[in-house]
Amino acid sequence: MAGPAAQPGDLVPTDPVPADSAPADSAPAARRAVPAWTDWLGTAVRLGLAVVWGWAGLAKIADPAEAAQAVRAYEILPEGLVKPVGYALPFLELALALLLVIGLGVRLLAGVSALLLLTFIAGIASAWARGISIDCGCFGGGGHVDASQTEYLQEILRDTGFLLLAGWLLWRPRTKFSVDGWLAS
């Protein structure tokens, strides 16, 4: 006895799958359909992270001595590394911002961003745990402050949010309006 006729959109059985082939659900992630909105979300995340790095870098680049003082306040690095790190950090942040805006090497940039953010989170947590009263200097300023002026939890939560943005781009680096996308096409 024949069943009802197939309707448009119905799944129609095809040739049987050979026993030695893998099931369809084990196909590589790159071959699976990805919703179009993920590219748009990735673009917003990429540009949002670029704004964060740009803001942080611009806030520090005008006064490299102040940036070095912010690094010194953490009391982690030896004095010989304080100035090189303090002076170089704004340039690294601006480079990340620029490359994220144009979308060149998004996954690599997301990885560098994640490592940098984890370093910042660890530094803030270390200062907090050791009872050092500092302003993180993340967006300029920095250095020792009164204990009542510390905002360690907020700074860690903020940087964790930025870390989630970097994590998204590590997972889904494909975005709209990017050099990576242009090179891939």
Protein backbone atom coordinates (compact mmCIF):
# COMPACT_ATOMS: atom_id res chain seq x y z
CA MET A 1 0.00 0.00 0.00
CA ALA A 2 1.42 3.38 -1.01
CA GLY A 3 1.72 6.24 1.50
CA PRO A 4 0.74 9.87 0.91
CA ALA A 5 2.54 11.74 -1.86
CA ALA A 6 5.55 13.77 -0.85
CA GLN A 7 4.85 17.46 -0.29
CA PRO A 8 7.28 20.34 -1.00
CA GLY A 9 9.68 20.64 1.95
CA ASP A 10 9.26 17.01 3.02
CA LEU A 11 12.41 15.01 3.54
CA VAL A 12 12.59 12.38 0.84
CA PRO A 13 14.66 9.26 1.46
CA THR A 14 17.65 8.91 -0.82
CA ASP A 15 20.00 6.07 -1.53
CA PRO A 16 21.04 4.21 1.59
CA VAL A 17 24.24 5.39 3.26
CA PRO A 18 27.08 2.91 2.92
CA ALA A 19 27.92 1.19 6.22
CA ASP A 20 31.52 2.45 6.16
CA SER A 21 30.63 6.16 5.80
CA ALA A 22 30.24 8.56 8.72
CA PRO A 23 26.80 9.81 9.70
CA ALA A 24 25.79 13.24 8.41
CA ASP A 25 25.88 14.80 11.87
CA SER A 26 29.63 14.16 12.14
CA ALA A 27 30.46 16.42 9.20
CA PRO A 28 33.17 19.00 9.94
CA ALA A 29 31.86 22.23 11.43
CA ALA A 30 33.10 24.18 8.42
CA ARG A 31 30.68 22.28 6.19
CA ARG A 32 27.66 22.75 8.43
CA ALA A 33 25.25 25.55 7.71
CA VAL A 34 25.88 28.59 9.89
CA PRO A 35 23.07 31.12 10.34
CA ALA A 36 23.73 34.41 8.55
CA TRP A 37 23.13 36.42 11.71
CA THR A 38 26.35 35.01 13.21
CA ASP A 39 28.39 36.94 10.63
CA TRP A 40 26.59 40.14 11.59
CA LEU A 41 26.99 39.47 15.32
CA GLY A 42 30.66 38.72 14.72
CA THR A 43 31.02 42.05 12.93
CA ALA A 44 29.50 43.89 15.89
CA VAL A 45 31.74 41.98 18.30
CA ARG A 46 34.85 42.64 16.18
CA LEU A 47 34.12 46.36 15.96
CA GLY A 48 33.18 46.54 19.64
CA LEU A 49 36.49 44.97 20.65
CA ALA A 50 38.27 47.36 18.26
CA VAL A 51 36.64 50.31 20.05
CA VAL A 52 37.80 48.96 23.42
CA TRP A 53 41.41 48.58 22.26
CA GLY A 54 41.36 51.92 20.45
CA TRP A 55 40.00 53.74 23.47
CA ALA A 56 42.53 52.10 25.80
CA GLY A 57 45.47 52.79 23.47
CA LEU A 58 44.55 56.40 22.75
CA ALA A 59 44.03 57.11 26.45
CA LYS A 60 47.60 55.97 27.19
CA ILE A 61 49.61 56.99 24.17
CA ALA A 62 49.63 60.71 24.95
CA ASP A 63 51.47 60.14 28.25
CA PRO A 64 53.76 57.12 28.11
CA ALA A 65 55.29 57.95 31.50
CA GLU A 66 51.84 57.73 33.07
CA ALA A 67 51.28 54.38 31.33
CA ALA A 68 54.58 53.13 32.75
CA GLN A 69 53.55 54.37 36.21
CA ALA A 70 50.33 52.35 35.92
CA VAL A 71 52.38 49.24 35.07
CA ARG A 72 54.75 49.96 37.99
CA ALA A 73 51.83 50.24 40.44
CA TYR A 74 51.00 46.55 40.02
CA GLU A 75 54.39 45.68 41.57
CA ILE A 76 54.71 42.57 39.39
CA LEU A 77 57.34 43.33 36.75
CA PRO A 78 60.99 44.06 37.50
CA GLU A 79 61.81 47.76 37.15
CA GLY A 80 63.79 47.10 33.96
CA LEU A 81 60.59 45.94 32.19
CA VAL A 82 58.20 48.61 33.49
CA LYS A 83 59.04 51.30 30.92
CA PRO A 84 59.22 48.98 27.89
CA VAL A 85 55.85 47.43 28.75
CA GLY A 86 54.25 50.74 29.69
CA TYR A 87 55.49 52.44 26.54
CA ALA A 88 54.70 49.55 24.18
CA LEU A 89 51.25 48.63 25.50
CA PRO A 90 49.38 51.57 23.91
CA PHE A 91 50.89 50.76 20.53
CA LEU A 92 49.89 47.11 20.83
CA GLU A 93 46.34 48.14 21.78
CA LEU A 94 46.11 50.55 18.83
CA ALA A 95 47.47 47.91 16.45
CA LEU A 96 44.83 45.45 17.68
CA ALA A 97 42.15 48.12 17.20
CA LEU A 98 43.23 48.96 13.66
CA LEU A 99 43.55 45.33 12.54
CA LEU A 100 40.17 44.47 14.09
CA VAL A 101 38.51 47.40 12.31
CA ILE A 102 39.76 46.19 8.93
CA GLY A 103 39.22 42.54 9.87
CA LEU A 104 42.65 41.17 9.04
CA GLY A 105 43.63 38.01 10.94
CA VAL A 106 40.54 38.10 13.15
CA ARG A 107 41.08 34.73 14.86
CA LEU A 108 44.74 35.56 15.61
CA LEU A 109 43.76 39.01 16.91
CA ALA A 110 41.08 37.43 19.07
CA GLY A 111 43.69 35.08 20.53
CA VAL A 112 46.10 37.94 21.27
CA SER A 113 43.22 39.92 22.77
CA ALA A 114 42.21 36.99 24.97
CA LEU A 115 45.78 36.52 26.24
CA LEU A 116 46.13 40.24 26.94
CA LEU A 117 42.78 40.36 28.74
CA LEU A 118 43.65 37.29 30.82
CA THR A 119 46.91 39.02 31.76
CA PHE A 120 45.01 42.16 32.78
CA ILE A 121 42.49 40.14 34.82
CA ALA A 122 45.33 38.26 36.55
CA GLY A 123 47.15 41.53 37.29
CA ILE A 124 44.06 43.17 38.78
CA ALA A 125 43.25 40.05 40.82
CA SER A 126 46.85 39.91 42.04
CA ALA A 127 46.81 43.55 43.17
CA TRP A 128 43.48 42.96 44.90
CA ALA A 129 44.70 39.79 46.63
CA ARG A 130 47.91 41.49 47.81
CA GLY A 131 45.99 44.49 49.19
CA ILE A 132 47.57 47.01 46.80
CA SER A 133 45.26 49.99 46.24
CA ILE A 134 45.56 51.00 42.59
CA ASP A 135 43.54 52.26 39.67
CA CYS A 136 44.03 49.67 36.93
CA GLY A 137 45.13 52.24 34.35
CA CYS A 138 43.24 50.34 31.67
CA PHE A 139 41.92 53.49 30.02
CA GLY A 140 44.59 55.96 31.08
CA GLY A 141 45.62 57.14 34.49
CA GLY A 142 46.54 54.37 36.84
CA GLY A 143 48.76 54.19 39.84
CA HIS A 144 48.20 54.15 43.56
CA VAL A 145 44.87 55.40 44.92
CA ASP A 146 43.09 55.40 48.26
CA ALA A 147 41.66 51.99 49.19
CA SER A 148 38.12 53.42 48.94
CA GLN A 149 38.70 54.26 45.28
CA THR A 150 39.55 50.74 44.07
CA GLU A 151 37.08 49.00 41.76
CA TYR A 152 38.66 45.60 41.34
CA LEU A 153 35.48 43.56 40.97
CA GLN A 154 34.02 45.92 38.36
CA GLU A 155 37.31 45.95 36.44
CA ILE A 156 37.55 42.15 36.47
CA LEU A 157 33.92 41.79 35.37
CA ARG A 158 34.41 44.37 32.60
CA ASP A 159 37.53 42.63 31.31
CA THR A 160 35.75 39.27 31.54
CA GLY A 161 33.04 40.72 29.29
CA PHE A 162 35.70 41.81 26.82
CA LEU A 163 37.22 38.32 27.10
CA LEU A 164 33.86 36.85 26.08
CA LEU A 165 33.93 39.07 22.97
CA ALA A 166 37.38 37.75 22.11
CA GLY A 167 36.14 34.21 22.76
CA TRP A 168 33.29 34.69 20.29
CA LEU A 169 35.77 35.77 17.62
CA LEU A 170 38.00 32.79 18.37
CA TRP A 171 34.99 30.52 17.88
CA ARG A 172 33.43 32.38 14.94
CA PRO A 173 36.03 34.65 13.29
CA ARG A 174 33.99 35.09 10.09
CA THR A 175 32.52 38.59 9.96
CA LYS A 176 31.08 40.97 7.41
CA PHE A 177 33.12 43.78 5.87
CA SER A 178 36.48 42.24 6.70
CA VAL A 179 39.70 41.80 4.78
CA ASP A 180 39.62 38.13 5.85
CA GLY A 181 36.26 37.72 4.11
CA TRP A 182 37.46 39.55 1.03
CA LEU A 183 40.58 37.37 0.82
CA ALA A 184 38.52 34.18 1.27
CA SER A 185 36.19 35.01 -1.64
